[in-house]
């Protein structure tokens, strides 16, 4: 790969300067149905179409910063943390400690 070749997979990622995070489909669906919501409702809250939402879940495609921000407001930080698929366990632990404080052994990070 030459030095001029971009490592970003889309123009949007380049503009944001940010590679998004995909979501854990099973955990998200459990939360949606446990809270008596629907996938179309969640898609509207994330400001994306239902087809785009379902496609991103199905193909493990990343959600952008604004979409994740809306998801966190909708679900709450702790529930959203359980749904977001981080790039590594080290990053997951670091984010957990920054957001919630010290890690407790009883609480499972990789749910």
Protein backbone atom coordinates (compact mmCIF):
# COMPACT_ATOMS: atom_id res chain seq x y z
CA UNK A 1 0.00 0.00 0.00
CA UNK A 2 1.44 3.33 -0.96
CA UNK A 3 1.59 6.22 1.46
CA UNK A 4 -1.08 8.06 -0.56
CA UNK A 5 -3.62 5.25 -0.34
CA UNK A 6 -6.32 5.89 2.21
CA UNK A 7 -7.01 3.26 4.86
CA UNK A 8 -10.56 4.57 5.31
CA UNK A 9 -13.28 2.45 3.76
CA UNK A 10 -15.63 5.33 3.02
CA UNK A 11 -15.60 9.05 2.51
CA UNK A 12 -17.79 9.49 5.59
CA UNK A 13 -15.17 7.80 7.81
CA UNK A 14 -12.51 10.07 6.36
CA UNK A 15 -14.59 13.18 7.03
CA UNK A 16 -15.36 12.13 10.59
CA UNK A 17 -11.77 10.99 11.14
CA UNK A 18 -13.35 8.11 12.93
CA UNK A 19 -13.89 4.42 12.38
CA UNK A 20 -17.25 3.48 13.87
CA UNK A 21 -18.28 0.58 16.03
CA UNK A 22 -20.64 -2.21 15.09
CA UNK A 23 -23.31 -3.48 17.45
CA UNK A 24 -24.01 -6.88 18.95
CA UNK A 25 -27.20 -7.85 17.15
CA UNK A 26 -28.53 -10.34 19.68
CA UNK A 27 -27.96 -8.07 22.69
CA UNK A 28 -29.52 -5.09 20.91
CA UNK A 29 -32.61 -7.07 19.88
CA UNK A 30 -33.01 -8.39 23.43
CA UNK A 31 -32.92 -4.82 24.75
CA UNK A 32 -35.36 -3.58 22.09
CA UNK A 33 -37.96 -6.25 22.81
CA UNK A 34 -37.45 -6.18 26.58
CA UNK A 35 -38.29 -2.45 26.49
CA UNK A 36 -41.29 -3.03 24.20
CA UNK A 37 -39.82 -1.07 21.31
CA UNK A 38 -39.42 -1.94 17.64
CA UNK A 39 -36.49 -1.90 15.24
CA UNK A 40 -38.14 0.80 13.08
CA UNK A 41 -38.51 2.99 16.18
CA UNK A 42 -34.81 2.59 17.06
CA UNK A 43 -33.83 3.27 13.43
CA UNK A 44 -35.81 6.53 13.48
CA UNK A 45 -34.12 7.55 16.74
CA UNK A 46 -30.73 6.94 15.10
CA UNK A 47 -31.83 9.02 12.09
CA UNK A 48 -31.34 6.22 9.56
CA UNK A 49 -33.71 4.17 7.42
CA UNK A 50 -35.00 0.85 8.68
CA UNK A 51 -33.31 -1.00 5.81
CA UNK A 52 -29.97 0.67 6.55
CA UNK A 53 -30.32 -0.16 10.25
CA UNK A 54 -31.12 -3.82 9.61
CA UNK A 55 -28.35 -4.06 7.00
CA UNK A 56 -25.75 -2.64 9.37
CA UNK A 57 -26.80 -5.11 12.06
CA UNK A 58 -26.82 -8.05 9.66
CA UNK A 59 -23.42 -7.29 8.09
CA UNK A 60 -21.70 -5.99 11.27
CA UNK A 61 -21.10 -2.63 9.61
CA UNK A 62 -20.02 0.25 11.83
CA UNK A 63 -22.37 2.95 13.03
CA UNK A 64 -21.14 6.54 12.92
CA UNK A 65 -20.45 8.80 15.87
CA UNK A 66 -23.78 10.64 15.71
CA UNK A 67 -25.71 7.38 15.44
CA UNK A 68 -23.90 5.95 18.46
CA UNK A 69 -24.56 9.16 20.39
CA UNK A 70 -28.30 8.83 19.71
CA UNK A 71 -28.14 5.15 20.69
CA UNK A 72 -26.49 5.99 24.02
CA UNK A 73 -29.16 8.61 24.77
CA UNK A 74 -31.89 6.12 23.88
CA UNK A 75 -30.53 3.10 25.77
CA UNK A 76 -28.56 4.68 28.57
CA UNK A 77 -24.79 4.42 28.89
CA UNK A 78 -24.57 1.06 30.66
CA UNK A 79 -26.95 -0.73 28.31
CA UNK A 80 -25.33 0.83 25.24
CA UNK A 81 -21.91 -0.25 26.53
CA UNK A 82 -23.12 -3.86 26.56
CA UNK A 83 -24.36 -3.58 22.97
CA UNK A 84 -21.37 -1.85 21.34
CA UNK A 85 -18.73 -4.15 19.84
CA UNK A 86 -15.33 -2.63 20.63
CA UNK A 87 -12.22 -3.20 18.52
CA UNK A 88 -10.35 -4.96 21.36
CA UNK A 89 -10.83 -6.06 24.96
CA UNK A 90 -8.16 -3.58 26.04
CA UNK A 91 -10.14 -0.72 24.51
CA UNK A 92 -13.34 -2.04 26.09
CA UNK A 93 -11.74 -2.07 29.56
CA UNK A 94 -10.26 1.40 29.09
CA UNK A 95 -13.59 2.89 28.00
CA UNK A 96 -15.39 1.17 30.87
CA UNK A 97 -12.98 2.60 33.43
CA UNK A 98 -13.18 6.10 31.95
CA UNK A 99 -16.97 6.11 31.88
CA UNK A 100 -18.02 4.10 34.93
CA UNK A 101 -14.96 4.13 37.16
CA UNK A 102 -13.05 1.18 38.51
CA UNK A 103 -13.78 -2.24 37.01
CA UNK A 104 -15.54 -4.65 39.36
CA UNK A 105 -14.70 -8.34 39.04
CA UNK A 106 -18.35 -9.33 39.46
CA UNK A 107 -19.48 -7.33 36.44
CA UNK A 108 -18.78 -8.97 33.10
CA UNK A 109 -17.38 -6.69 30.41
CA UNK A 110 -17.71 -9.07 27.46
CA UNK A 111 -21.42 -9.80 27.64
